[in-house]
Amino acid sequence: MHSGHNIGVNQRGMEFLEENPYRAPTEVRATRSPLWSRLGRIGFYLSLTGVIGLTLGSVNLEWLGFVRAGLTMLCLPGLLISALGMLDPNRRLAKWGVVLGVFGSLYIPTILLGLLHGLRGASM
């Protein structure tokens, strides 16, 4: 009637199995290293720092231009490291790091042209 398993009856009169019919897994599944997840987070924070550097453009201080340019340059390594972090199954921050990194990296040529123009004007 039943497949050879011990059947019990609970207080409500319902039947239940007294032992687990399923075998425990005998193989260990390989999981991804937390390195990929860590790379996604690092790339996201680098890209975010670069985009914060972009937003400092509204403050008009002479020395802040170099700080802003340096922070914005972090978008490119953030983009590359986030792209490596996309190998992790849990890649939400890595996706945002790629998006922010692309956004900030597209602005880098404008900053470089501005710095070159400023340096050229300062040397004359």
Protein backbone atom coordinates (compact mmCIF):
# COMPACT_ATOMS: atom_id res chain seq x y z
CA MET A 1 0.00 0.00 0.00
CA HIS A 2 2.73 2.44 0.97
CA SER A 3 6.18 2.18 -0.55
CA GLY A 4 7.80 0.50 2.44
CA HIS A 5 8.25 3.68 4.49
CA ASN A 6 7.16 3.94 8.11
CA ILE A 7 3.94 5.91 8.28
CA GLY A 8 2.86 7.71 11.41
CA VAL A 9 -0.38 9.43 12.34
CA ASN A 10 -0.41 12.86 13.93
CA GLN A 11 -2.91 14.21 16.50
CA ARG A 12 -5.34 15.30 13.78
CA GLY A 13 -5.36 11.85 12.27
CA MET A 14 -3.28 12.75 9.23
CA GLU A 15 -0.58 10.40 7.99
CA PHE A 16 3.04 11.46 7.71
CA LEU A 17 6.36 9.78 6.97
CA GLU A 18 8.47 9.08 10.04
CA GLU A 19 11.71 9.24 8.07
CA ASN A 20 12.99 11.37 5.24
CA PRO A 21 12.55 9.49 1.93
CA TYR A 22 15.16 11.61 0.20
CA ARG A 23 18.84 10.78 0.26
CA ALA A 24 21.38 13.37 1.31
CA PRO A 25 23.46 14.73 -1.58
CA THR A 26 26.71 12.81 -1.99
CA GLU A 27 28.48 15.35 -4.17
CA VAL A 28 29.60 18.82 -3.26
CA ARG A 29 28.72 21.45 -5.82
CA ALA A 30 31.42 23.90 -6.71
CA THR A 31 30.47 27.45 -5.84
CA ARG A 32 32.01 30.56 -7.29
CA SER A 33 34.69 32.25 -5.35
CA PRO A 34 33.60 35.33 -3.39
CA LEU A 35 36.36 37.12 -5.33
CA TRP A 36 34.01 37.83 -8.26
CA SER A 37 31.38 39.28 -5.95
CA ARG A 38 34.03 41.38 -4.23
CA LEU A 39 35.27 42.65 -7.59
CA GLY A 40 31.74 43.74 -8.48
CA ARG A 41 31.46 45.75 -5.27
CA ILE A 42 34.90 47.32 -5.66
CA GLY A 43 34.15 48.28 -9.27
CA PHE A 44 30.81 49.80 -8.25
CA TYR A 45 32.39 51.94 -5.53
CA LEU A 46 35.17 53.10 -7.85
CA SER A 47 32.63 54.08 -10.51
CA LEU A 48 30.43 55.78 -7.93
CA THR A 49 33.41 57.77 -6.64
CA GLY A 50 34.17 58.81 -10.23
CA VAL A 51 30.62 60.01 -10.80
CA ILE A 52 30.77 61.93 -7.51
CA GLY A 53 33.88 63.57 -8.94
CA LEU A 54 31.80 64.62 -11.94
CA THR A 55 29.23 66.28 -9.72
CA LEU A 56 31.91 68.40 -8.04
CA GLY A 57 32.00 70.46 -11.24
CA SER A 58 29.44 72.87 -9.85
CA VAL A 59 31.95 74.08 -7.23
CA ASN A 60 34.31 76.57 -8.85
CA LEU A 61 37.59 76.34 -6.95
CA GLU A 62 40.89 76.22 -8.84
CA TRP A 63 42.46 73.37 -6.84
CA LEU A 64 39.25 71.36 -6.91
CA GLY A 65 39.53 70.92 -10.69
CA PHE A 66 42.47 68.55 -10.26
CA VAL A 67 40.71 66.64 -7.48
CA ARG A 68 37.59 66.37 -9.62
CA ALA A 69 39.61 65.14 -12.60
CA GLY A 70 41.41 62.58 -10.45
CA LEU A 71 38.17 61.27 -9.01
CA THR A 72 36.56 61.07 -12.43
CA MET A 73 39.51 59.02 -13.70
CA LEU A 74 38.40 56.28 -11.28
CA CYS A 75 35.44 55.55 -13.57
CA LEU A 76 37.57 53.67 -16.08
CA PRO A 77 39.11 51.18 -13.61
CA GLY A 78 35.67 50.93 -11.99
CA LEU A 79 34.19 49.99 -15.34
CA LEU A 80 36.82 47.32 -15.99
CA ILE A 81 36.63 45.81 -12.51
CA SER A 82 32.80 45.82 -12.59
CA ALA A 83 32.93 44.02 -15.93
CA LEU A 84 34.95 41.27 -14.22
CA GLY A 85 32.43 41.25 -11.38
CA MET A 86 29.71 40.42 -13.90
CA LEU A 87 31.00 36.81 -13.79
CA ASP A 88 29.38 36.38 -10.37
CA PRO A 89 25.77 35.17 -10.28
CA ASN A 90 24.94 37.91 -7.75
CA ARG A 91 25.93 40.82 -9.96
CA ARG A 92 23.56 43.64 -9.11
CA LEU A 93 26.27 46.04 -7.93
CA ALA A 94 28.50 45.00 -10.82
CA LYS A 95 25.77 46.00 -13.29
CA TRP A 96 25.44 49.41 -11.67
CA GLY A 97 29.22 49.74 -11.65
CA VAL A 98 29.31 49.12 -15.40
CA VAL A 99 26.56 51.67 -16.01
CA LEU A 100 28.19 54.34 -13.84
CA GLY A 101 31.62 53.50 -15.23
CA VAL A 102 30.45 53.94 -18.82
CA PHE A 103 28.75 57.21 -17.92
CA GLY A 104 31.84 58.60 -16.21
CA SER A 105 34.25 57.22 -18.81
CA LEU A 106 32.39 58.99 -21.59
CA TYR A 107 33.10 62.26 -19.77
CA ILE A 108 36.85 61.63 -19.35
CA PRO A 109 37.87 63.02 -22.80
CA THR A 110 36.12 66.29 -21.98
CA ILE A 111 38.07 66.58 -18.73
CA LEU A 112 41.37 65.78 -20.46
CA LEU A 113 40.73 68.43 -23.10
CA GLY A 114 39.89 70.95 -20.39
CA LEU A 115 43.06 70.12 -18.45
CA LEU A 116 45.23 70.36 -21.57
CA HIS A 117 43.64 73.66 -22.47
CA GLY A 118 44.19 74.93 -18.92
CA LEU A 119 47.81 73.79 -18.88
CA ARG A 120 48.46 75.31 -22.28
CA GLY A 121 46.95 78.63 -21.13
CA ALA A 122 48.98 78.55 -17.91
CA SER A 123 52.27 78.02 -19.73
CA MET A 124 51.82 81.06 -22.00
